[in-house]
Protein backbone atom coordinates (compact mmCIF):
# COMPACT_ATOMS: atom_id res chain seq x y z
CA MET A 1 58.04 30.03 139.16
CA THR A 2 54.26 29.70 139.47
CA ARG A 3 54.65 26.54 141.48
CA LEU A 4 56.83 28.43 143.96
CA ARG A 5 54.26 31.31 144.23
CA HIS A 6 51.51 28.78 144.85
CA VAL A 7 53.51 27.14 147.64
CA LEU A 8 54.38 30.39 149.23
CA GLY A 9 50.83 31.57 148.97
CA ARG A 10 49.61 28.46 150.77
CA ALA A 11 52.31 28.79 153.43
CA ARG A 12 51.27 32.42 154.02
CA PHE A 13 47.64 31.33 154.32
CA PHE A 14 48.42 28.78 156.95
CA VAL A 15 50.70 31.14 158.89
CA ARG A 16 47.98 33.77 158.96
CA GLU A 17 45.29 31.25 160.01
CA PHE A 18 47.35 29.72 162.80
CA SER A 19 48.64 32.97 164.14
CA GLY A 20 45.25 34.63 164.31
CA GLU A 21 46.27 37.47 161.96
CA ALA A 22 43.35 36.49 159.59
CA ALA A 23 40.73 36.86 162.39
CA TYR A 24 39.95 40.44 161.55
CA ASP A 25 39.49 39.70 157.90
CA HIS A 26 37.08 36.83 158.80
CA TYR A 27 35.18 39.16 161.14
CA VAL A 28 34.81 41.93 158.46
CA ALA A 29 33.58 39.38 155.89
CA HIS A 30 31.06 38.00 158.33
CA ALA A 31 29.84 41.37 159.45
CA ARG A 32 29.41 42.59 155.85
CA ALA A 33 27.59 39.34 154.87
CA HIS A 34 25.01 39.68 157.60
CA ASP A 35 24.53 43.45 157.74
CA PRO A 36 26.25 45.44 154.95
CA ASP A 37 25.33 48.77 156.46
CA ALA A 38 26.65 48.05 159.99
CA ALA A 39 29.66 49.95 161.24
CA VAL A 40 32.66 47.73 161.37
CA PRO A 41 35.38 48.63 163.91
CA SER A 42 38.93 49.34 162.82
CA ARG A 43 41.54 46.66 163.12
CA ARG A 44 42.97 48.40 166.17
CA GLU A 45 39.52 48.50 167.89
CA PHE A 46 38.93 44.83 166.96
CA GLU A 47 42.31 43.69 168.38
CA ARG A 48 41.80 45.73 171.52
CA ALA A 49 38.40 44.15 172.21
CA ARG A 50 39.82 40.68 171.32
CA THR A 51 42.68 41.10 173.77
CA ASP A 52 40.34 42.48 176.48
CA ALA A 53 38.13 39.54 176.13
CA ARG A 54 41.04 37.07 176.19
CA GLU A 55 42.54 38.66 179.30
CA GLY A 56 39.15 38.95 181.01
CA ASP A 57 38.42 35.24 180.76
CA PRO A 58 39.17 33.65 184.10
CA ARG A 59 39.59 30.21 182.57
CA THR A 60 42.69 31.27 180.61
CA GLY A 61 44.40 33.13 183.43
CA PHE A 62 46.04 36.54 183.34
CA ARG A 63 48.81 37.68 181.17
CA CYS A 64 52.08 38.08 183.09
CA CYS A 65 53.82 40.58 180.88
């Protein structure tokens, strides 16, 4: 049973990393490490800014839908 949990935990880790879901967690950890008193945006604000930056980059093109 513990082996299965370990394997599932590792699979979850890789899925979160490859899908970008863990980006906010990494951002918060980085912000807290560099300035613990700084205001950290909510996940919604972070994702909105991330999407805006991605869509505003002319090298990647524009989202069609």
